[in-house]
All heavy atoms as atom14 arrays in JSON, in Angstrom:
{
  "sequence": "GGLELGRINVAARGVGLANAALQASLRYSTERQTMGKPIGQHQAIQ",
  "atom14_mask": [
    [1, 1, 1, 1, 0, 0, 0, 0, 0, 0, 0, 0, 0, 0],
    [1, 1, 1, 1, 0, 0, 0, 0, 0, 0, 0, 0, 0, 0],
    [1, 1, 1, 1, 1, 1, 1, 1, 0, 0, 0, 0, 0, 0],
    [1, 1, 1, 1, 1, 1, 1, 1, 1, 0, 0, 0, 0, 0],
    [1, 1, 1, 1, 1, 1, 1, 1, 0, 0, 0, 0, 0, 0],
    [1, 1, 1, 1, 0, 0, 0, 0, 0, 0, 0, 0, 0, 0],
    [1, 1, 1, 1, 1, 1, 1, 1, 1, 1, 1, 0, 0, 0],
    [1, 1, 1, 1, 1, 1, 1, 1, 0, 0, 0, 0, 0, 0],
    [1, 1, 1, 1, 1, 1, 1, 1, 0, 0, 0, 0, 0, 0],
    [1, 1, 1, 1, 1, 1, 1, 0, 0, 0, 0, 0, 0, 0],
    [1, 1, 1, 1, 1, 0, 0, 0, 0, 0, 0, 0, 0, 0],
    [1, 1, 1, 1, 1, 0, 0, 0, 0, 0, 0, 0, 0, 0],
    [1, 1, 1, 1, 1, 1, 1, 1, 1, 1, 1, 0, 0, 0],
    [1, 1, 1, 1, 0, 0, 0, 0, 0, 0, 0, 0, 0, 0],
    [1, 1, 1, 1, 1, 1, 1, 0, 0, 0, 0, 0, 0, 0],
    [1, 1, 1, 1, 0, 0, 0, 0, 0, 0, 0, 0, 0, 0],
    [1, 1, 1, 1, 1, 1, 1, 1, 0, 0, 0, 0, 0, 0],
    [1, 1, 1, 1, 1, 0, 0, 0, 0, 0, 0, 0, 0, 0],
    [1, 1, 1, 1, 1, 1, 1, 1, 0, 0, 0, 0, 0, 0],
    [1, 1, 1, 1, 1, 0, 0, 0, 0, 0, 0, 0, 0, 0],
    [1, 1, 1, 1, 1, 0, 0, 0, 0, 0, 0, 0, 0, 0],
    [1, 1, 1, 1, 1, 1, 1, 1, 0, 0, 0, 0, 0, 0],
    [1, 1, 1, 1, 1, 1, 1, 1, 1, 0, 0, 0, 0, 0],
    [1, 1, 1, 1, 1, 0, 0, 0, 0, 0, 0, 0, 0, 0],
    [1, 1, 1, 1, 1, 1, 0, 0, 0, 0, 0, 0, 0, 0],
    [1, 1, 1, 1, 1, 1, 1, 1, 0, 0, 0, 0, 0, 0],
    [1, 1, 1, 1, 1, 1, 1, 1, 1, 1, 1, 0, 0, 0],
    [1, 1, 1, 1, 1, 1, 1, 1, 1, 1, 1, 1, 0, 0],
    [1, 1, 1, 1, 1, 1, 0, 0, 0, 0, 0, 0, 0, 0],
    [1, 1, 1, 1, 1, 1, 1, 0, 0, 0, 0, 0, 0, 0],
    [1, 1, 1, 1, 1, 1, 1, 1, 1, 0, 0, 0, 0, 0],
    [1, 1, 1, 1, 1, 1, 1, 1, 1, 1, 1, 0, 0, 0],
    [1, 1, 1, 1, 1, 1, 1, 1, 1, 0, 0, 0, 0, 0],
    [1, 1, 1, 1, 1, 1, 1, 0, 0, 0, 0, 0, 0, 0],
    [1, 1, 1, 1, 1, 1, 1, 1, 0, 0, 0, 0, 0, 0],
    [1, 1, 1, 1, 0, 0, 0, 0, 0, 0, 0, 0, 0, 0],
    [1, 1, 1, 1, 1, 1, 1, 1, 1, 0, 0, 0, 0, 0],
    [1, 1, 1, 1, 1, 1, 1, 0, 0, 0, 0, 0, 0, 0],
    [1, 1, 1, 1, 1, 1, 1, 1, 0, 0, 0, 0, 0, 0],
    [1, 1, 1, 1, 0, 0, 0, 0, 0, 0, 0, 0, 0, 0],
    [1, 1, 1, 1, 1, 1, 1, 1, 1, 0, 0, 0, 0, 0],
    [1, 1, 1, 1, 1, 1, 1, 1, 1, 1, 0, 0, 0, 0],
    [1, 1, 1, 1, 1, 1, 1, 1, 1, 0, 0, 0, 0, 0],
    [1, 1, 1, 1, 1, 0, 0, 0, 0, 0, 0, 0, 0, 0],
    [1, 1, 1, 1, 1, 1, 1, 1, 0, 0, 0, 0, 0, 0],
    [1, 1, 1, 1, 1, 1, 1, 1, 1, 0, 0, 0, 0, 0]
  ],
  "atom14_positions": [
    [[0.8, -1.18, 0.01], [-0.07, -0.02, 0.01], [0.8, 1.34, -0.05], [0.47, 2.24, -0.68], [0.0, 0.0, 0.0], [0.0, 0.0, 0.0], [0.0, 0.0, 0.0], [0.0, 0.0, 0.0], [0.0, 0.0, 0.0], [0.0, 0.0, 0.0], [0.0, 0.0, 0.0], [0.0, 0.0, 0.0], [0.0, 0.0, 0.0], [0.0, 0.0, 0.0]],
    [[1.96, 1.24, 0.75], [2.9, 2.35, 0.77], [3.54, 2.69, -0.65], [3.88, 3.74, -0.97], [0.0, 0.0, 0.0], [0.0, 0.0, 0.0], [0.0, 0.0, 0.0], [0.0, 0.0, 0.0], [0.0, 0.0, 0.0], [0.0, 0.0, 0.0], [0.0, 0.0, 0.0], [0.0, 0.0, 0.0], [0.0, 0.0, 0.0], [0.0, 0.0, 0.0]],
    [[3.8, 1.51, -1.34], [4.56, 1.78, -2.54], [3.69, 2.34, -3.57], [4.31, 2.74, -4.64], [5.06, 0.28, -3.0], [6.17, -0.32, -2.17], [6.43, -1.78, -2.69], [7.39, 0.48, -2.21], [0.0, 0.0, 0.0], [0.0, 0.0, 0.0], [0.0, 0.0, 0.0], [0.0, 0.0, 0.0], [0.0, 0.0, 0.0], [0.0, 0.0, 0.0]],
    [[2.37, 2.36, -3.49], [1.61, 3.08, -4.49], [2.0, 4.54, -4.61], [2.17, 5.05, -5.66], [0.03, 2.86, -4.17], [-0.34, 1.44, -4.43], [-1.85, 1.37, -4.14], [-2.44, 2.39, -3.5], [-2.51, 0.31, -4.36], [0.0, 0.0, 0.0], [0.0, 0.0, 0.0], [0.0, 0.0, 0.0], [0.0, 0.0, 0.0], [0.0, 0.0, 0.0]],
    [[2.05, 5.08, -3.45], [2.44, 6.54, -3.45], [3.91, 6.7, -3.96], [4.26, 7.62, -4.66], [2.24, 7.15, -2.02], [2.74, 8.68, -2.06], [1.67, 9.57, -2.81], [2.51, 9.15, -0.45], [0.0, 0.0, 0.0], [0.0, 0.0, 0.0], [0.0, 0.0, 0.0], [0.0, 0.0, 0.0], [0.0, 0.0, 0.0], [0.0, 0.0, 0.0]],
    [[4.71, 5.72, -3.65], [6.18, 5.77, -3.92], [6.29, 5.68, -5.51], [7.24, 6.32, -6.0], [0.0, 0.0, 0.0], [0.0, 0.0, 0.0], [0.0, 0.0, 0.0], [0.0, 0.0, 0.0], [0.0, 0.0, 0.0], [0.0, 0.0, 0.0], [0.0, 0.0, 0.0], [0.0, 0.0, 0.0], [0.0, 0.0, 0.0], [0.0, 0.0, 0.0]],
    [[5.52, 4.84, -6.04], [5.53, 4.64, -7.54], [5.24, 5.89, -8.26], [5.7, 6.31, -9.3], [4.78, 3.5, -7.97], [5.41, 2.17, -7.51], [4.74, 0.99, -8.08], [5.33, -0.37, -7.65], [4.87, -1.31, -6.95], [3.68, -0.99, -6.28], [5.48, -2.28, -6.48], [0.0, 0.0, 0.0], [0.0, 0.0, 0.0], [0.0, 0.0, 0.0]],
    [[4.04, 6.59, -7.74], [3.62, 7.83, -8.37], [4.94, 8.88, -8.27], [5.13, 9.61, -9.11], [2.36, 8.37, -7.68], [1.28, 7.35, -7.96], [2.17, 9.74, -8.09], [-0.05, 7.63, -7.2], [0.0, 0.0, 0.0], [0.0, 0.0, 0.0], [0.0, 0.0, 0.0], [0.0, 0.0, 0.0], [0.0, 0.0, 0.0], [0.0, 0.0, 0.0]],
    [[5.52, 8.9, -6.99], [6.66, 9.79, -6.83], [7.75, 9.47, -7.86], [8.25, 10.48, -8.41], [7.11, 9.74, -5.34], [8.47, 10.57, -5.14], [9.53, 10.21, -5.73], [8.35, 11.64, -4.37], [0.0, 0.0, 0.0], [0.0, 0.0, 0.0], [0.0, 0.0, 0.0], [0.0, 0.0, 0.0], [0.0, 0.0, 0.0], [0.0, 0.0, 0.0]],
    [[8.05, 8.25, -8.06], [9.23, 7.89, -8.95], [8.8, 8.28, -10.36], [9.57, 8.77, -11.12], [9.45, 6.39, -8.88], [10.45, 5.98, -9.9], [10.2, 6.05, -7.44], [0.0, 0.0, 0.0], [0.0, 0.0, 0.0], [0.0, 0.0, 0.0], [0.0, 0.0, 0.0], [0.0, 0.0, 0.0], [0.0, 0.0, 0.0], [0.0, 0.0, 0.0]],
    [[7.47, 7.99, -10.78], [7.03, 8.32, -12.11], [7.07, 9.89, -12.28], [7.56, 10.34, -13.33], [5.59, 7.95, -12.21], [0.0, 0.0, 0.0], [0.0, 0.0, 0.0], [0.0, 0.0, 0.0], [0.0, 0.0, 0.0], [0.0, 0.0, 0.0], [0.0, 0.0, 0.0], [0.0, 0.0, 0.0], [0.0, 0.0, 0.0], [0.0, 0.0, 0.0]],
    [[6.78, 10.64, -11.3], [6.85, 12.09, -11.33], [8.27, 12.57, -11.48], [8.61, 13.58, -12.31], [6.15, 12.77, -10.13], [0.0, 0.0, 0.0], [0.0, 0.0, 0.0], [0.0, 0.0, 0.0], [0.0, 0.0, 0.0], [0.0, 0.0, 0.0], [0.0, 0.0, 0.0], [0.0, 0.0, 0.0], [0.0, 0.0, 0.0], [0.0, 0.0, 0.0]],
    [[9.13, 11.74, -10.83], [10.57, 12.17, -11.02], [10.85, 11.89, -12.48], [11.71, 12.68, -13.22], [11.53, 11.19, -10.14], [11.4, 11.49, -8.68], [12.47, 10.72, -8.07], [11.96, 10.05, -6.94], [12.78, 9.27, -6.15], [14.12, 9.06, -6.45], [12.35, 8.68, -4.98], [0.0, 0.0, 0.0], [0.0, 0.0, 0.0], [0.0, 0.0, 0.0]],
    [[10.49, 10.9, -13.0], [10.74, 10.55, -14.51], [10.24, 11.66, -15.4], [10.94, 11.99, -16.32], [0.0, 0.0, 0.0], [0.0, 0.0, 0.0], [0.0, 0.0, 0.0], [0.0, 0.0, 0.0], [0.0, 0.0, 0.0], [0.0, 0.0, 0.0], [0.0, 0.0, 0.0], [0.0, 0.0, 0.0], [0.0, 0.0, 0.0], [0.0, 0.0, 0.0]],
    [[9.02, 12.13, -15.07], [8.61, 13.29, -15.98], [9.59, 14.55, -15.83], [9.84, 15.07, -16.9], [7.12, 13.67, -15.46], [6.66, 14.94, -16.19], [6.14, 12.52, -15.73], [0.0, 0.0, 0.0], [0.0, 0.0, 0.0], [0.0, 0.0, 0.0], [0.0, 0.0, 0.0], [0.0, 0.0, 0.0], [0.0, 0.0, 0.0], [0.0, 0.0, 0.0]],
    [[9.93, 14.85, -14.56], [10.79, 15.94, -14.37], [12.19, 15.75, -15.13], [12.63, 16.65, -15.8], [0.0, 0.0, 0.0], [0.0, 0.0, 0.0], [0.0, 0.0, 0.0], [0.0, 0.0, 0.0], [0.0, 0.0, 0.0], [0.0, 0.0, 0.0], [0.0, 0.0, 0.0], [0.0, 0.0, 0.0], [0.0, 0.0, 0.0], [0.0, 0.0, 0.0]],
    [[12.67, 14.62, -15.0], [13.98, 14.24, -15.56], [13.92, 14.38, -17.04], [14.8, 14.93, -17.79], [14.5, 13.02, -15.17], [16.04, 12.72, -15.46], [17.01, 13.7, -15.03], [16.45, 11.32, -14.81], [0.0, 0.0, 0.0], [0.0, 0.0, 0.0], [0.0, 0.0, 0.0], [0.0, 0.0, 0.0], [0.0, 0.0, 0.0], [0.0, 0.0, 0.0]],
    [[12.8, 13.7, -17.55], [12.65, 13.57, -19.11], [12.56, 15.12, -19.74], [13.01, 15.43, -20.85], [11.3, 12.78, -19.41], [0.0, 0.0, 0.0], [0.0, 0.0, 0.0], [0.0, 0.0, 0.0], [0.0, 0.0, 0.0], [0.0, 0.0, 0.0], [0.0, 0.0, 0.0], [0.0, 0.0, 0.0], [0.0, 0.0, 0.0], [0.0, 0.0, 0.0]],
    [[11.77, 15.85, -18.93], [11.55, 17.23, -19.44], [12.91, 18.0, -19.24], [12.99, 18.84, -20.19], [10.42, 17.9, -18.58], [9.92, 19.16, -19.35], [9.63, 19.24, -20.54], [9.71, 20.34, -18.53], [0.0, 0.0, 0.0], [0.0, 0.0, 0.0], [0.0, 0.0, 0.0], [0.0, 0.0, 0.0], [0.0, 0.0, 0.0], [0.0, 0.0, 0.0]],
    [[13.64, 17.79, -18.3], [14.86, 18.53, -18.13], [15.74, 18.29, -19.38], [16.34, 19.13, -19.98], [15.64, 18.08, -16.84], [0.0, 0.0, 0.0], [0.0, 0.0, 0.0], [0.0, 0.0, 0.0], [0.0, 0.0, 0.0], [0.0, 0.0, 0.0], [0.0, 0.0, 0.0], [0.0, 0.0, 0.0], [0.0, 0.0, 0.0], [0.0, 0.0, 0.0]],
    [[15.84, 17.03, -19.7], [16.58, 16.45, -20.97], [15.99, 17.19, -22.2], [16.83, 17.63, -23.05], [16.59, 15.02, -21.06], [0.0, 0.0, 0.0], [0.0, 0.0, 0.0], [0.0, 0.0, 0.0], [0.0, 0.0, 0.0], [0.0, 0.0, 0.0], [0.0, 0.0, 0.0], [0.0, 0.0, 0.0], [0.0, 0.0, 0.0], [0.0, 0.0, 0.0]],
    [[14.72, 17.31, -22.3], [14.09, 17.88, -23.52], [14.43, 19.37, -23.61], [14.87, 19.89, -24.67], [12.55, 17.63, -23.4], [11.83, 18.42, -24.48], [12.14, 18.16, -25.93], [10.24, 18.22, -24.1], [0.0, 0.0, 0.0], [0.0, 0.0, 0.0], [0.0, 0.0, 0.0], [0.0, 0.0, 0.0], [0.0, 0.0, 0.0], [0.0, 0.0, 0.0]],
    [[14.27, 20.09, -22.49], [14.4, 21.55, -22.48], [15.86, 21.82, -22.81], [16.18, 22.88, -23.49], [14.07, 22.09, -21.15], [12.56, 21.89, -20.82], [11.65, 22.48, -21.96], [11.92, 23.6, -22.51], [10.52, 21.89, -22.12], [0.0, 0.0, 0.0], [0.0, 0.0, 0.0], [0.0, 0.0, 0.0], [0.0, 0.0, 0.0], [0.0, 0.0, 0.0]],
    [[16.85, 21.08, -22.25], [18.24, 21.38, -22.49], [18.5, 21.13, -23.91], [19.31, 21.89, -24.54], [19.22, 20.4, -21.62], [0.0, 0.0, 0.0], [0.0, 0.0, 0.0], [0.0, 0.0, 0.0], [0.0, 0.0, 0.0], [0.0, 0.0, 0.0], [0.0, 0.0, 0.0], [0.0, 0.0, 0.0], [0.0, 0.0, 0.0], [0.0, 0.0, 0.0]],
    [[17.98, 20.1, -24.53], [18.13, 19.79, -25.91], [17.5, 20.95, -26.86], [17.99, 21.24, -27.91], [17.59, 18.47, -26.25], [18.29, 17.42, -25.52], [0.0, 0.0, 0.0], [0.0, 0.0, 0.0], [0.0, 0.0, 0.0], [0.0, 0.0, 0.0], [0.0, 0.0, 0.0], [0.0, 0.0, 0.0], [0.0, 0.0, 0.0], [0.0, 0.0, 0.0]],
    [[16.37, 21.38, -26.49], [15.71, 22.38, -27.15], [16.64, 23.71, -27.25], [16.79, 24.34, -28.28], [14.37, 22.66, -26.59], [13.2, 21.69, -26.99], [11.9, 22.08, -26.13], [12.88, 21.74, -28.43], [0.0, 0.0, 0.0], [0.0, 0.0, 0.0], [0.0, 0.0, 0.0], [0.0, 0.0, 0.0], [0.0, 0.0, 0.0], [0.0, 0.0, 0.0]],
    [[17.15, 24.07, -26.1], [17.97, 25.28, -26.02], [19.29, 25.11, -26.8], [19.66, 25.95, -27.61], [18.39, 25.54, -24.54], [17.28, 26.09, -23.61], [17.8, 26.49, -22.36], [18.45, 25.54, -21.58], [17.71, 24.77, -20.64], [16.46, 24.94, -20.49], [18.29, 23.7, -20.08], [0.0, 0.0, 0.0], [0.0, 0.0, 0.0], [0.0, 0.0, 0.0]],
    [[19.89, 23.84, -26.68], [21.22, 23.62, -27.45], [20.92, 23.61, -28.88], [21.79, 24.08, -29.67], [21.81, 22.31, -26.88], [23.03, 22.08, -27.37], [24.19, 22.92, -27.09], [23.32, 21.1, -28.44], [25.46, 22.63, -27.47], [24.68, 20.88, -29.06], [25.6, 21.55, -28.53], [26.92, 21.43, -28.98], [0.0, 0.0, 0.0], [0.0, 0.0, 0.0]],
    [[19.81, 23.01, -29.29], [19.49, 22.98, -30.7], [19.3, 24.36, -31.47], [19.43, 24.46, -32.57], [18.28, 22.18, -30.99], [17.06, 22.77, -30.58], [0.0, 0.0, 0.0], [0.0, 0.0, 0.0], [0.0, 0.0, 0.0], [0.0, 0.0, 0.0], [0.0, 0.0, 0.0], [0.0, 0.0, 0.0], [0.0, 0.0, 0.0], [0.0, 0.0, 0.0]],
    [[19.14, 25.4, -30.67], [18.99, 26.83, -31.27], [20.43, 27.51, -31.26], [20.67, 28.33, -31.85], [18.09, 27.58, -30.43], [18.51, 27.79, -29.1], [16.68, 26.97, -30.54], [0.0, 0.0, 0.0], [0.0, 0.0, 0.0], [0.0, 0.0, 0.0], [0.0, 0.0, 0.0], [0.0, 0.0, 0.0], [0.0, 0.0, 0.0], [0.0, 0.0, 0.0]],
    [[21.33, 26.86, -30.39], [22.6, 27.62, -30.22], [23.78, 26.93, -31.2], [24.58, 27.65, -31.7], [23.1, 27.55, -28.83], [22.18, 28.13, -27.8], [22.43, 27.77, -26.37], [23.24, 26.93, -26.22], [21.67, 28.15, -25.51], [0.0, 0.0, 0.0], [0.0, 0.0, 0.0], [0.0, 0.0, 0.0], [0.0, 0.0, 0.0], [0.0, 0.0, 0.0]],
    [[23.75, 25.67, -31.14], [24.71, 24.89, -32.0], [24.51, 24.91, -33.43], [23.33, 24.64, -33.76], [24.83, 23.46, -31.45], [25.76, 22.55, -32.24], [27.23, 22.89, -32.15], [28.04, 21.82, -32.76], [29.31, 22.01, -32.95], [29.93, 23.16, -32.71], [30.07, 20.99, -33.5], [0.0, 0.0, 0.0], [0.0, 0.0, 0.0], [0.0, 0.0, 0.0]],
    [[25.48, 25.35, -34.27], [25.19, 25.39, -35.7], [26.17, 24.29, -36.45], [27.35, 24.2, -36.02], [25.61, 26.79, -36.12], [24.59, 27.83, -35.78], [24.57, 29.18, -36.55], [25.19, 29.17, -37.59], [23.78, 30.05, -36.08], [0.0, 0.0, 0.0], [0.0, 0.0, 0.0], [0.0, 0.0, 0.0], [0.0, 0.0, 0.0], [0.0, 0.0, 0.0]],
    [[25.58, 23.74, -37.46], [26.3, 22.9, -38.43], [25.82, 23.26, -39.8], [24.57, 23.51, -39.99], [26.11, 21.44, -38.14], [24.91, 20.99, -38.24], [26.7, 21.05, -36.67], [0.0, 0.0, 0.0], [0.0, 0.0, 0.0], [0.0, 0.0, 0.0], [0.0, 0.0, 0.0], [0.0, 0.0, 0.0], [0.0, 0.0, 0.0], [0.0, 0.0, 0.0]],
    [[26.69, 23.27, -40.77], [26.35, 23.43, -42.16], [25.59, 24.74, -42.33], [24.58, 24.94, -43.02], [25.5, 22.25, -42.72], [26.28, 20.94, -42.6], [25.22, 19.57, -43.12], [26.32, 18.14, -42.54], [0.0, 0.0, 0.0], [0.0, 0.0, 0.0], [0.0, 0.0, 0.0], [0.0, 0.0, 0.0], [0.0, 0.0, 0.0], [0.0, 0.0, 0.0]],
    [[25.95, 25.74, -41.49], [25.42, 27.15, -41.75], [24.14, 27.38, -41.0], [23.51, 28.49, -41.31], [0.0, 0.0, 0.0], [0.0, 0.0, 0.0], [0.0, 0.0, 0.0], [0.0, 0.0, 0.0], [0.0, 0.0, 0.0], [0.0, 0.0, 0.0], [0.0, 0.0, 0.0], [0.0, 0.0, 0.0], [0.0, 0.0, 0.0], [0.0, 0.0, 0.0]],
    [[23.65, 26.47, -40.21], [22.28, 26.82, -39.6], [22.26, 25.92, -38.23], [23.08, 25.03, -38.04], [21.11, 26.37, -40.61], [21.11, 24.9, -40.93], [19.89, 24.66, -41.86], [19.94, 23.29, -42.43], [18.78, 23.02, -43.22], [0.0, 0.0, 0.0], [0.0, 0.0, 0.0], [0.0, 0.0, 0.0], [0.0, 0.0, 0.0], [0.0, 0.0, 0.0]],
    [[21.34, 26.38, -37.35], [21.18, 25.67, -36.06], [20.81, 24.28, -36.26], [20.05, 23.99, -37.15], [20.01, 26.46, -35.33], [20.16, 27.84, -35.96], [20.47, 27.6, -37.48], [0.0, 0.0, 0.0], [0.0, 0.0, 0.0], [0.0, 0.0, 0.0], [0.0, 0.0, 0.0], [0.0, 0.0, 0.0], [0.0, 0.0, 0.0], [0.0, 0.0, 0.0]],
    [[21.35, 23.37, -35.46], [21.02, 21.92, -35.62], [19.54, 21.71, -35.47], [19.03, 20.57, -35.99], [21.92, 21.06, -34.6], [21.54, 21.35, -33.25], [23.4, 21.29, -34.95], [22.06, 20.41, -32.34], [0.0, 0.0, 0.0], [0.0, 0.0, 0.0], [0.0, 0.0, 0.0], [0.0, 0.0, 0.0], [0.0, 0.0, 0.0], [0.0, 0.0, 0.0]],
    [[18.9, 22.54, -34.78], [17.39, 22.34, -34.66], [16.58, 22.5, -36.01], [15.44, 22.11, -35.95], [0.0, 0.0, 0.0], [0.0, 0.0, 0.0], [0.0, 0.0, 0.0], [0.0, 0.0, 0.0], [0.0, 0.0, 0.0], [0.0, 0.0, 0.0], [0.0, 0.0, 0.0], [0.0, 0.0, 0.0], [0.0, 0.0, 0.0], [0.0, 0.0, 0.0]],
    [[17.37, 23.0, -37.0], [16.53, 23.03, -38.28], [16.96, 21.89, -39.29], [16.43, 21.8, -40.33], [17.1, 24.39, -39.06], [16.62, 25.67, -38.27], [17.06, 26.87, -39.01], [17.38, 26.87, -40.18], [17.08, 28.01, -38.3], [0.0, 0.0, 0.0], [0.0, 0.0, 0.0], [0.0, 0.0, 0.0], [0.0, 0.0, 0.0], [0.0, 0.0, 0.0]],
    [[17.74, 21.05, -38.67], [17.95, 19.69, -39.43], [16.78, 18.64, -38.97], [16.52, 18.57, -37.71], [19.3, 19.11, -39.06], [20.5, 20.01, -39.54], [20.7, 20.22, -40.86], [21.46, 20.62, -38.8], [21.83, 20.96, -40.96], [22.25, 21.26, -39.73], [0.0, 0.0, 0.0], [0.0, 0.0, 0.0], [0.0, 0.0, 0.0], [0.0, 0.0, 0.0]],
    [[16.24, 18.1, -39.97], [15.19, 17.15, -39.67], [15.58, 15.95, -38.71], [14.74, 15.55, -37.93], [14.59, 16.63, -40.96], [13.26, 15.74, -40.76], [12.72, 15.26, -42.07], [13.43, 14.76, -42.95], [11.47, 15.46, -42.22], [0.0, 0.0, 0.0], [0.0, 0.0, 0.0], [0.0, 0.0, 0.0], [0.0, 0.0, 0.0], [0.0, 0.0, 0.0]],
    [[16.82, 15.61, -38.8], [17.16, 14.45, -37.84], [16.97, 14.86, -36.51], [16.68, 14.04, -35.6], [18.51, 14.04, -38.27], [0.0, 0.0, 0.0], [0.0, 0.0, 0.0], [0.0, 0.0, 0.0], [0.0, 0.0, 0.0], [0.0, 0.0, 0.0], [0.0, 0.0, 0.0], [0.0, 0.0, 0.0], [0.0, 0.0, 0.0], [0.0, 0.0, 0.0]],
    [[17.43, 16.04, -36.08], [17.32, 16.59, -34.68], [15.92, 16.85, -34.47], [15.36, 16.65, -33.36], [18.23, 17.79, -34.59], [19.65, 17.57, -34.95], [18.05, 18.42, -33.24], [20.21, 16.52, -33.98], [0.0, 0.0, 0.0], [0.0, 0.0, 0.0], [0.0, 0.0, 0.0], [0.0, 0.0, 0.0], [0.0, 0.0, 0.0], [0.0, 0.0, 0.0]],
    [[15.06, 17.47, -35.32], [13.72, 17.71, -35.14], [12.83, 16.42, -34.77], [12.05, 16.59, -33.89], [13.09, 18.28, -36.45], [13.69, 19.71, -36.68], [13.14, 20.32, -38.0], [12.48, 19.58, -38.77], [13.41, 21.65, -38.3], [0.0, 0.0, 0.0], [0.0, 0.0, 0.0], [0.0, 0.0, 0.0], [0.0, 0.0, 0.0], [0.0, 0.0, 0.0]]
  ]
}
């Protein structure tokens, strides 16, 4: 019974960590350039 709340907490941690990785990647994709344009404009990164 106690682990139910614990699993929700761990899942919420996963959301936070996944979003942190996403936001860091979004920022970097506008800063880093290759072939004359930000990497975020390359379809592979998109």
